[in-house]
mmCIF file of all heavy atoms, coordinates in Angstrom:
data_MODEL
# 
_entry.id   MODEL 
# 
loop_
_atom_site.group_PDB 
_atom_site.id 
_atom_site.type_symbol 
_atom_site.label_atom_id 
_atom_site.label_alt_id 
_atom_site.label_comp_id 
_atom_site.label_asym_id 
_atom_site.label_entity_id 
_atom_site.label_seq_id 
_atom_site.pdbx_PDB_ins_code 
_atom_site.Cartn_x 
_atom_site.Cartn_y 
_atom_site.Cartn_z 
_atom_site.occupancy 
_atom_site.B_iso_or_equiv 
_atom_site.pdbx_formal_charge 
_atom_site.auth_seq_id 
_atom_site.auth_comp_id 
_atom_site.auth_asym_id 
_atom_site.auth_atom_id 
_atom_site.pdbx_PDB_model_num 
ATOM 1   N N   . THR A 1 1  ? 22.308 -16.280 14.671 1.00 0.00 ? 1  THR A N   1 
ATOM 2   C CA  . THR A 1 1  ? 22.237 -17.505 15.465 1.00 0.00 ? 1  THR A CA  1 
ATOM 3   C C   . THR A 1 1  ? 22.380 -18.727 14.571 1.00 0.00 ? 1  THR A C   1 
ATOM 4   O O   . THR A 1 1  ? 21.821 -18.771 13.467 1.00 0.00 ? 1  THR A O   1 
ATOM 5   C CB  . THR A 1 1  ? 20.918 -17.577 16.237 1.00 0.00 ? 1  THR A CB  1 
ATOM 6   O OG1 . THR A 1 1  ? 20.803 -16.431 17.089 1.00 0.00 ? 1  THR A OG1 1 
ATOM 7   C CG2 . THR A 1 1  ? 20.855 -18.831 17.107 1.00 0.00 ? 1  THR A CG2 1 
ATOM 8   N N   . VAL A 1 2  ? 23.117 -19.692 15.078 1.00 0.00 ? 2  VAL A N   1 
ATOM 9   C CA  . VAL A 1 2  ? 23.225 -21.012 14.456 1.00 0.00 ? 2  VAL A CA  1 
ATOM 10  C C   . VAL A 1 2  ? 22.567 -22.024 15.389 1.00 0.00 ? 2  VAL A C   1 
ATOM 11  O O   . VAL A 1 2  ? 22.717 -21.940 16.606 1.00 0.00 ? 2  VAL A O   1 
ATOM 12  C CB  . VAL A 1 2  ? 24.691 -21.390 14.199 1.00 0.00 ? 2  VAL A CB  1 
ATOM 13  C CG1 . VAL A 1 2  ? 24.811 -22.844 13.760 1.00 0.00 ? 2  VAL A CG1 1 
ATOM 14  C CG2 . VAL A 1 2  ? 25.288 -20.472 13.140 1.00 0.00 ? 2  VAL A CG2 1 
ATOM 15  N N   . TYR A 1 3  ? 21.858 -22.958 14.804 1.00 0.00 ? 3  TYR A N   1 
ATOM 16  C CA  . TYR A 1 3  ? 21.136 -23.968 15.569 1.00 0.00 ? 3  TYR A CA  1 
ATOM 17  C C   . TYR A 1 3  ? 21.681 -25.367 15.274 1.00 0.00 ? 3  TYR A C   1 
ATOM 18  O O   . TYR A 1 3  ? 22.162 -25.633 14.173 1.00 0.00 ? 3  TYR A O   1 
ATOM 19  C CB  . TYR A 1 3  ? 19.651 -23.942 15.226 1.00 0.00 ? 3  TYR A CB  1 
ATOM 20  C CG  . TYR A 1 3  ? 19.002 -22.604 15.440 1.00 0.00 ? 3  TYR A CG  1 
ATOM 21  C CD1 . TYR A 1 3  ? 18.795 -21.732 14.375 1.00 0.00 ? 3  TYR A CD1 1 
ATOM 22  C CD2 . TYR A 1 3  ? 18.602 -22.203 16.707 1.00 0.00 ? 3  TYR A CD2 1 
ATOM 23  C CE1 . TYR A 1 3  ? 18.202 -20.495 14.567 1.00 0.00 ? 3  TYR A CE1 1 
ATOM 24  C CE2 . TYR A 1 3  ? 18.008 -20.966 16.911 1.00 0.00 ? 3  TYR A CE2 1 
ATOM 25  C CZ  . TYR A 1 3  ? 17.828 -20.117 15.834 1.00 0.00 ? 3  TYR A CZ  1 
ATOM 26  O OH  . TYR A 1 3  ? 17.240 -18.885 16.031 1.00 0.00 ? 3  TYR A OH  1 
ATOM 27  N N   . LEU A 1 4  ? 21.549 -26.228 16.255 1.00 0.00 ? 4  LEU A N   1 
ATOM 28  C CA  . LEU A 1 4  ? 21.830 -27.646 16.056 1.00 0.00 ? 4  LEU A CA  1 
ATOM 29  C C   . LEU A 1 4  ? 20.629 -28.411 16.599 1.00 0.00 ? 4  LEU A C   1 
ATOM 30  O O   . LEU A 1 4  ? 20.459 -28.516 17.814 1.00 0.00 ? 4  LEU A O   1 
ATOM 31  C CB  . LEU A 1 4  ? 23.108 -28.079 16.760 1.00 0.00 ? 4  LEU A CB  1 
ATOM 32  C CG  . LEU A 1 4  ? 23.526 -29.525 16.505 1.00 0.00 ? 4  LEU A CG  1 
ATOM 33  C CD1 . LEU A 1 4  ? 23.959 -29.701 15.044 1.00 0.00 ? 4  LEU A CD1 1 
ATOM 34  C CD2 . LEU A 1 4  ? 24.665 -29.944 17.439 1.00 0.00 ? 4  LEU A CD2 1 
ATOM 35  N N   . GLN A 1 5  ? 19.807 -28.894 15.684 1.00 0.00 ? 5  GLN A N   1 
ATOM 36  C CA  . GLN A 1 5  ? 18.664 -29.707 16.069 1.00 0.00 ? 5  GLN A CA  1 
ATOM 37  C C   . GLN A 1 5  ? 19.135 -31.151 16.209 1.00 0.00 ? 5  GLN A C   1 
ATOM 38  O O   . GLN A 1 5  ? 19.672 -31.725 15.251 1.00 0.00 ? 5  GLN A O   1 
ATOM 39  C CB  . GLN A 1 5  ? 17.560 -29.621 15.010 1.00 0.00 ? 5  GLN A CB  1 
ATOM 40  C CG  . GLN A 1 5  ? 16.358 -30.488 15.282 1.00 0.00 ? 5  GLN A CG  1 
ATOM 41  C CD  . GLN A 1 5  ? 15.585 -30.043 16.508 1.00 0.00 ? 5  GLN A CD  1 
ATOM 42  O OE1 . GLN A 1 5  ? 15.344 -28.854 16.701 1.00 0.00 ? 5  GLN A OE1 1 
ATOM 43  N NE2 . GLN A 1 5  ? 15.194 -30.997 17.347 1.00 0.00 ? 5  GLN A NE2 1 
ATOM 44  N N   . MET A 1 6  ? 18.932 -31.721 17.388 1.00 0.00 ? 6  MET A N   1 
ATOM 45  C CA  . MET A 1 6  ? 19.416 -33.068 17.676 1.00 0.00 ? 6  MET A CA  1 
ATOM 46  C C   . MET A 1 6  ? 18.223 -33.962 17.965 1.00 0.00 ? 6  MET A C   1 
ATOM 47  O O   . MET A 1 6  ? 17.506 -33.742 18.948 1.00 0.00 ? 6  MET A O   1 
ATOM 48  C CB  . MET A 1 6  ? 20.368 -33.035 18.863 1.00 0.00 ? 6  MET A CB  1 
ATOM 49  C CG  . MET A 1 6  ? 21.513 -32.053 18.698 1.00 0.00 ? 6  MET A CG  1 
ATOM 50  S SD  . MET A 1 6  ? 22.747 -32.160 20.003 1.00 0.00 ? 6  MET A SD  1 
ATOM 51  C CE  . MET A 1 6  ? 21.771 -31.687 21.424 1.00 0.00 ? 6  MET A CE  1 
ATOM 52  N N   . ASN A 1 7  ? 18.012 -34.940 17.118 1.00 0.00 ? 7  ASN A N   1 
ATOM 53  C CA  . ASN A 1 7  ? 16.919 -35.896 17.275 1.00 0.00 ? 7  ASN A CA  1 
ATOM 54  C C   . ASN A 1 7  ? 17.466 -37.294 17.520 1.00 0.00 ? 7  ASN A C   1 
ATOM 55  O O   . ASN A 1 7  ? 18.645 -37.559 17.272 1.00 0.00 ? 7  ASN A O   1 
ATOM 56  C CB  . ASN A 1 7  ? 16.051 -35.901 16.020 1.00 0.00 ? 7  ASN A CB  1 
ATOM 57  C CG  . ASN A 1 7  ? 15.401 -34.559 15.742 1.00 0.00 ? 7  ASN A CG  1 
ATOM 58  O OD1 . ASN A 1 7  ? 15.088 -33.804 16.660 1.00 0.00 ? 7  ASN A OD1 1 
ATOM 59  N ND2 . ASN A 1 7  ? 15.186 -34.261 14.470 1.00 0.00 ? 7  ASN A ND2 1 
ATOM 60  N N   . SER A 1 8  ? 16.605 -38.164 17.988 1.00 0.00 ? 8  SER A N   1 
ATOM 61  C CA  . SER A 1 8  ? 16.985 -39.565 18.239 1.00 0.00 ? 8  SER A CA  1 
ATOM 62  C C   . SER A 1 8  ? 18.273 -39.648 19.045 1.00 0.00 ? 8  SER A C   1 
ATOM 63  O O   . SER A 1 8  ? 19.195 -40.393 18.702 1.00 0.00 ? 8  SER A O   1 
ATOM 64  C CB  . SER A 1 8  ? 17.142 -40.317 16.914 1.00 0.00 ? 8  SER A CB  1 
ATOM 65  O OG  . SER A 1 8  ? 15.957 -40.269 16.165 1.00 0.00 ? 8  SER A OG  1 
ATOM 66  N N   . LEU A 1 9  ? 18.319 -38.898 20.108 1.00 0.00 ? 9  LEU A N   1 
ATOM 67  C CA  . LEU A 1 9  ? 19.542 -38.822 20.901 1.00 0.00 ? 9  LEU A CA  1 
ATOM 68  C C   . LEU A 1 9  ? 19.863 -40.155 21.556 1.00 0.00 ? 9  LEU A C   1 
ATOM 69  O O   . LEU A 1 9  ? 18.970 -40.925 21.942 1.00 0.00 ? 9  LEU A O   1 
ATOM 70  C CB  . LEU A 1 9  ? 19.414 -37.723 21.944 1.00 0.00 ? 9  LEU A CB  1 
ATOM 71  C CG  . LEU A 1 9  ? 19.597 -36.311 21.376 1.00 0.00 ? 9  LEU A CG  1 
ATOM 72  C CD1 . LEU A 1 9  ? 19.020 -35.272 22.321 1.00 0.00 ? 9  LEU A CD1 1 
ATOM 73  C CD2 . LEU A 1 9  ? 21.069 -36.038 21.116 1.00 0.00 ? 9  LEU A CD2 1 
ATOM 74  N N   . LYS A 1 10 ? 21.167 -40.403 21.678 1.00 0.00 ? 10 LYS A N   1 
ATOM 75  C CA  . LYS A 1 10 ? 21.683 -41.630 22.265 1.00 0.00 ? 10 LYS A CA  1 
ATOM 76  C C   . LYS A 1 10 ? 22.555 -41.280 23.464 1.00 0.00 ? 10 LYS A C   1 
ATOM 77  O O   . LYS A 1 10 ? 23.116 -40.181 23.530 1.00 0.00 ? 10 LYS A O   1 
ATOM 78  C CB  . LYS A 1 10 ? 22.526 -42.385 21.232 1.00 0.00 ? 10 LYS A CB  1 
ATOM 79  C CG  . LYS A 1 10 ? 21.813 -42.677 19.924 1.00 0.00 ? 10 LYS A CG  1 
ATOM 80  C CD  . LYS A 1 10 ? 22.774 -43.319 18.926 1.00 0.00 ? 10 LYS A CD  1 
ATOM 81  C CE  . LYS A 1 10 ? 22.087 -43.597 17.597 1.00 0.00 ? 10 LYS A CE  1 
ATOM 82  N NZ  . LYS A 1 10 ? 23.028 -44.215 16.622 1.00 0.00 ? 10 LYS A NZ  1 
ATOM 83  N N   . PRO A 1 11 ? 22.724 -42.219 24.390 1.00 0.00 ? 11 PRO A N   1 
ATOM 84  C CA  . PRO A 1 11 ? 23.604 -41.936 25.533 1.00 0.00 ? 11 PRO A CA  1 
ATOM 85  C C   . PRO A 1 11 ? 25.017 -41.524 25.105 1.00 0.00 ? 11 PRO A C   1 
ATOM 86  O O   . PRO A 1 11 ? 25.636 -40.692 25.773 1.00 0.00 ? 11 PRO A O   1 
ATOM 87  C CB  . PRO A 1 11 ? 23.610 -43.266 26.293 1.00 0.00 ? 11 PRO A CB  1 
ATOM 88  C CG  . PRO A 1 11 ? 22.275 -43.862 25.987 1.00 0.00 ? 11 PRO A CG  1 
ATOM 89  C CD  . PRO A 1 11 ? 22.001 -43.486 24.560 1.00 0.00 ? 11 PRO A CD  1 
ATOM 90  N N   . GLU A 1 12 ? 25.492 -42.054 23.992 1.00 0.00 ? 12 GLU A N   1 
ATOM 91  C CA  . GLU A 1 12 ? 26.835 -41.698 23.529 1.00 0.00 ? 12 GLU A CA  1 
ATOM 92  C C   . GLU A 1 12 ? 26.922 -40.281 22.972 1.00 0.00 ? 12 GLU A C   1 
ATOM 93  O O   . GLU A 1 12 ? 28.013 -39.807 22.643 1.00 0.00 ? 12 GLU A O   1 
ATOM 94  C CB  . GLU A 1 12 ? 27.345 -42.695 22.486 1.00 0.00 ? 12 GLU A CB  1 
ATOM 95  C CG  . GLU A 1 12 ? 26.392 -42.961 21.345 1.00 0.00 ? 12 GLU A CG  1 
ATOM 96  C CD  . GLU A 1 12 ? 25.545 -44.209 21.556 1.00 0.00 ? 12 GLU A CD  1 
ATOM 97  O OE1 . GLU A 1 12 ? 25.047 -44.421 22.699 1.00 0.00 ? 12 GLU A OE1 1 
ATOM 98  O OE2 . GLU A 1 12 ? 25.363 -44.962 20.574 1.00 0.00 ? 12 GLU A OE2 1 
ATOM 99  N N   . ASP A 1 13 ? 25.797 -39.583 22.863 1.00 0.00 ? 13 ASP A N   1 
ATOM 100 C CA  . ASP A 1 13 ? 25.817 -38.174 22.484 1.00 0.00 ? 13 ASP A CA  1 
ATOM 101 C C   . ASP A 1 13 ? 26.089 -37.261 23.678 1.00 0.00 ? 13 ASP A C   1 
ATOM 102 O O   . ASP A 1 13 ? 26.248 -36.051 23.507 1.00 0.00 ? 13 ASP A O   1 
ATOM 103 C CB  . ASP A 1 13 ? 24.480 -37.762 21.852 1.00 0.00 ? 13 ASP A CB  1 
ATOM 104 C CG  . ASP A 1 13 ? 24.218 -38.450 20.527 1.00 0.00 ? 13 ASP A CG  1 
ATOM 105 O OD1 . ASP A 1 13 ? 25.150 -38.568 19.710 1.00 0.00 ? 13 ASP A OD1 1 
ATOM 106 O OD2 . ASP A 1 13 ? 23.053 -38.879 20.312 1.00 0.00 ? 13 ASP A OD2 1 
ATOM 107 N N   . THR A 1 14 ? 26.144 -37.839 24.867 1.00 0.00 ? 14 THR A N   1 
ATOM 108 C CA  . THR A 1 14 ? 26.410 -37.058 26.067 1.00 0.00 ? 14 THR A CA  1 
ATOM 109 C C   . THR A 1 14 ? 27.780 -36.400 25.986 1.00 0.00 ? 14 THR A C   1 
ATOM 110 O O   . THR A 1 14 ? 28.790 -37.070 25.757 1.00 0.00 ? 14 THR A O   1 
ATOM 111 C CB  . THR A 1 14 ? 26.333 -37.948 27.312 1.00 0.00 ? 14 THR A CB  1 
ATOM 112 O OG1 . THR A 1 14 ? 24.981 -38.419 27.459 1.00 0.00 ? 14 THR A OG1 1 
ATOM 113 C CG2 . THR A 1 14 ? 26.743 -37.185 28.555 1.00 0.00 ? 14 THR A CG2 1 
ATOM 114 N N   . ALA A 1 15 ? 27.806 -35.088 26.162 1.00 0.00 ? 15 ALA A N   1 
ATOM 115 C CA  . ALA A 1 15 ? 29.049 -34.335 26.047 1.00 0.00 ? 15 ALA A CA  1 
ATOM 116 C C   . ALA A 1 15 ? 28.759 -32.859 26.310 1.00 0.00 ? 15 ALA A C   1 
ATOM 117 O O   . ALA A 1 15 ? 27.595 -32.449 26.379 1.00 0.00 ? 15 ALA A O   1 
ATOM 118 C CB  . ALA A 1 15 ? 29.654 -34.486 24.651 1.00 0.00 ? 15 ALA A CB  1 
ATOM 119 N N   . VAL A 1 16 ? 29.828 -32.090 26.419 1.00 0.00 ? 16 VAL A N   1 
ATOM 120 C CA  . VAL A 1 16 ? 29.703 -30.640 26.351 1.00 0.00 ? 16 VAL A CA  1 
ATOM 121 C C   . VAL A 1 16 ? 29.800 -30.247 24.874 1.00 0.00 ? 16 VAL A C   1 
ATOM 122 O O   . VAL A 1 16 ? 30.735 -30.665 24.183 1.00 0.00 ? 16 VAL A O   1 
ATOM 123 C CB  . VAL A 1 16 ? 30.792 -29.931 27.164 1.00 0.00 ? 16 VAL A CB  1 
ATOM 124 C CG1 . VAL A 1 16 ? 30.662 -28.418 27.018 1.00 0.00 ? 16 VAL A CG1 1 
ATOM 125 C CG2 . VAL A 1 16 ? 30.711 -30.335 28.632 1.00 0.00 ? 16 VAL A CG2 1 
ATOM 126 N N   . TYR A 1 17 ? 28.839 -29.475 24.424 1.00 0.00 ? 17 TYR A N   1 
ATOM 127 C CA  . TYR A 1 17 ? 28.785 -29.063 23.026 1.00 0.00 ? 17 TYR A CA  1 
ATOM 128 C C   . TYR A 1 17 ? 29.242 -27.613 22.899 1.00 0.00 ? 17 TYR A C   1 
ATOM 129 O O   . TYR A 1 17 ? 28.782 -26.735 23.642 1.00 0.00 ? 17 TYR A O   1 
ATOM 130 C CB  . TYR A 1 17 ? 27.369 -29.212 22.484 1.00 0.00 ? 17 TYR A CB  1 
ATOM 131 C CG  . TYR A 1 17 ? 27.018 -30.649 22.166 1.00 0.00 ? 17 TYR A CG  1 
ATOM 132 C CD1 . TYR A 1 17 ? 26.828 -31.573 23.189 1.00 0.00 ? 17 TYR A CD1 1 
ATOM 133 C CD2 . TYR A 1 17 ? 26.902 -31.095 20.857 1.00 0.00 ? 17 TYR A CD2 1 
ATOM 134 C CE1 . TYR A 1 17 ? 26.533 -32.894 22.905 1.00 0.00 ? 17 TYR A CE1 1 
ATOM 135 C CE2 . TYR A 1 17 ? 26.596 -32.421 20.559 1.00 0.00 ? 17 TYR A CE2 1 
ATOM 136 C CZ  . TYR A 1 17 ? 26.425 -33.313 21.599 1.00 0.00 ? 17 TYR A CZ  1 
ATOM 137 O OH  . TYR A 1 17 ? 26.122 -34.628 21.321 1.00 0.00 ? 17 TYR A OH  1 
ATOM 138 N N   . TYR A 1 18 ? 30.138 -27.392 21.939 1.00 0.00 ? 18 TYR A N   1 
ATOM 139 C CA  . TYR A 1 18 ? 30.703 -26.074 21.706 1.00 0.00 ? 18 TYR A CA  1 
ATOM 140 C C   . TYR A 1 18 ? 30.411 -25.627 20.272 1.00 0.00 ? 18 TYR A C   1 
ATOM 141 O O   . TYR A 1 18 ? 30.490 -26.440 19.337 1.00 0.00 ? 18 TYR A O   1 
ATOM 142 C CB  . TYR A 1 18 ? 32.224 -26.099 21.874 1.00 0.00 ? 18 TYR A CB  1 
ATOM 143 C CG  . TYR A 1 18 ? 32.716 -26.516 23.220 1.00 0.00 ? 18 TYR A CG  1 
ATOM 144 C CD1 . TYR A 1 18 ? 32.946 -27.858 23.518 1.00 0.00 ? 18 TYR A CD1 1 
ATOM 145 C CD2 . TYR A 1 18 ? 32.974 -25.570 24.205 1.00 0.00 ? 18 TYR A CD2 1 
ATOM 146 C CE1 . TYR A 1 18 ? 33.407 -28.248 24.762 1.00 0.00 ? 18 TYR A CE1 1 
ATOM 147 C CE2 . TYR A 1 18 ? 33.447 -25.953 25.454 1.00 0.00 ? 18 TYR A CE2 1 
ATOM 148 C CZ  . TYR A 1 18 ? 33.663 -27.287 25.720 1.00 0.00 ? 18 TYR A CZ  1 
ATOM 149 O OH  . TYR A 1 18 ? 34.128 -27.662 26.956 1.00 0.00 ? 18 TYR A OH  1 
ATOM 150 N N   . CYS A 1 19 ? 30.138 -24.345 20.106 1.00 0.00 ? 19 CYS A N   1 
ATOM 151 C CA  . CYS A 1 19 ? 30.127 -23.804 18.752 1.00 0.00 ? 19 CYS A CA  1 
ATOM 152 C C   . CYS A 1 19 ? 31.392 -22.967 18.561 1.00 0.00 ? 19 CYS A C   1 
ATOM 153 O O   . CYS A 1 19 ? 31.984 -22.472 19.532 1.00 0.00 ? 19 CYS A O   1 
ATOM 154 C CB  . CYS A 1 19 ? 28.874 -22.984 18.467 1.00 0.00 ? 19 CYS A CB  1 
ATOM 155 S SG  . CYS A 1 19 ? 28.671 -21.480 19.431 1.00 0.00 ? 19 CYS A SG  1 
ATOM 156 N N   . ALA A 1 20 ? 31.797 -22.854 17.305 1.00 0.00 ? 20 ALA A N   1 
ATOM 157 C CA  . ALA A 1 20 ? 33.040 -22.176 16.982 1.00 0.00 ? 20 ALA A CA  1 
ATOM 158 C C   . ALA A 1 20 ? 32.907 -21.471 15.637 1.00 0.00 ? 20 ALA A C   1 
ATOM 159 O O   . ALA A 1 20 ? 32.118 -21.904 14.784 1.00 0.00 ? 20 ALA A O   1 
ATOM 160 C CB  . ALA A 1 20 ? 34.185 -23.172 16.938 1.00 0.00 ? 20 ALA A CB  1 
ATOM 161 N N   . ALA A 1 21 ? 33.680 -20.391 15.473 1.00 0.00 ? 21 ALA A N   1 
ATOM 162 C CA  . ALA A 1 21 ? 33.606 -19.581 14.256 1.00 0.00 ? 21 ALA A CA  1 
ATOM 163 C C   . ALA A 1 21 ? 34.937 -19.574 13.522 1.00 0.00 ? 21 ALA A C   1 
ATOM 164 O O   . ALA A 1 21 ? 35.999 -19.450 14.151 1.00 0.00 ? 21 ALA A O   1 
ATOM 165 C CB  . ALA A 1 21 ? 33.200 -18.151 14.596 1.00 0.00 ? 21 ALA A CB  1 
ATOM 166 N N   . ASP A 1 22 ? 34.853 -19.693 12.200 1.00 0.00 ? 22 ASP A N   1 
ATOM 167 C CA  . ASP A 1 22 ? 36.023 -19.602 11.336 1.00 0.00 ? 22 ASP A CA  1 
ATOM 168 C C   . ASP A 1 22 ? 35.811 -18.440 10.375 1.00 0.00 ? 22 ASP A C   1 
ATOM 169 O O   . ASP A 1 22 ? 34.875 -18.472 9.581  1.00 0.00 ? 22 ASP A O   1 
ATOM 170 C CB  . ASP A 1 22 ? 36.201 -20.907 10.562 1.00 0.00 ? 22 ASP A CB  1 
ATOM 171 C CG  . ASP A 1 22 ? 37.445 -20.918 9.696  1.00 0.00 ? 22 ASP A CG  1 
ATOM 172 O OD1 . ASP A 1 22 ? 37.793 -19.859 9.122  1.00 0.00 ? 22 ASP A OD1 1 
ATOM 173 O OD2 . ASP A 1 22 ? 38.066 -21.982 9.572  1.00 0.00 ? 22 ASP A OD2 1 
ATOM 174 N N   . LEU A 1 23 ? 36.714 -17.449 10.424 1.00 0.00 ? 23 LEU A N   1 
ATOM 175 C CA  . LEU A 1 23 ? 36.550 -16.233 9.635  1.00 0.00 ? 23 LEU A CA  1 
ATOM 176 C C   . LEU A 1 23 ? 37.329 -16.266 8.327  1.00 0.00 ? 23 LEU A C   1 
ATOM 177 O O   . LEU A 1 23 ? 37.330 -15.277 7.589  1.00 0.00 ? 23 LEU A O   1 
ATOM 178 C CB  . LEU A 1 23 ? 37.003 -15.007 10.448 1.00 0.00 ? 23 LEU A CB  1 
ATOM 179 C CG  . LEU A 1 23 ? 35.994 -14.426 11.438 1.00 0.00 ? 23 LEU A CG  1 
ATOM 180 C CD1 . LEU A 1 23 ? 35.677 -15.403 12.561 1.00 0.00 ? 23 LEU A CD1 1 
ATOM 181 C CD2 . LEU A 1 23 ? 36.508 -13.127 11.999 1.00 0.00 ? 23 LEU A CD2 1 
ATOM 182 N N   . THR A 1 24 ? 37.980 -17.368 8.025  1.00 0.00 ? 24 THR A N   1 
ATOM 183 C CA  . THR A 1 24 ? 38.898 -17.387 6.886  1.00 0.00 ? 24 THR A CA  1 
ATOM 184 C C   . THR A 1 24 ? 38.344 -18.048 5.635  1.00 0.00 ? 24 THR A C   1 
ATOM 185 O O   . THR A 1 24 ? 38.970 -17.984 4.579  1.00 0.00 ? 24 THR A O   1 
ATOM 186 C CB  . THR A 1 24 ? 40.188 -18.132 7.277  1.00 0.00 ? 24 THR A CB  1 
ATOM 187 O OG1 . THR A 1 24 ? 39.877 -19.513 7.503  1.00 0.00 ? 24 THR A OG1 1 
ATOM 188 C CG2 . THR A 1 24 ? 40.804 -17.528 8.523  1.00 0.00 ? 24 THR A CG2 1 
ATOM 189 N N   . LEU A 1 25 ? 37.191 -18.693 5.741  1.00 0.00 ? 25 LEU A N   1 
ATOM 190 C CA  . LEU A 1 25 ? 36.703 -19.512 4.640  1.00 0.00 ? 25 LEU A CA  1 
ATOM 191 C C   . LEU A 1 25 ? 35.924 -18.699 3.614  1.00 0.00 ? 25 LEU A C   1 
ATOM 192 O O   . LEU A 1 25 ? 35.339 -17.663 3.932  1.00 0.00 ? 25 LEU A O   1 
ATOM 193 C CB  . LEU A 1 25 ? 35.808 -20.630 5.186  1.00 0.00 ? 25 LEU A CB  1 
ATOM 194 C CG  . LEU A 1 25 ? 36.522 -21.675 6.043  1.00 0.00 ? 25 LEU A CG  1 
ATOM 195 C CD1 . LEU A 1 25 ? 35.509 -22.601 6.698  1.00 0.00 ? 25 LEU A CD1 1 
ATOM 196 C CD2 . LEU A 1 25 ? 37.517 -22.469 5.223  1.00 0.00 ? 25 LEU A CD2 1 
# 
């Protein structure tokens, strides 16, 4: 699992959030 802790949120942070994987790095 990967987490994204988001603090001090602002209205401009409103969005759909996606996680993605890169297998080449």
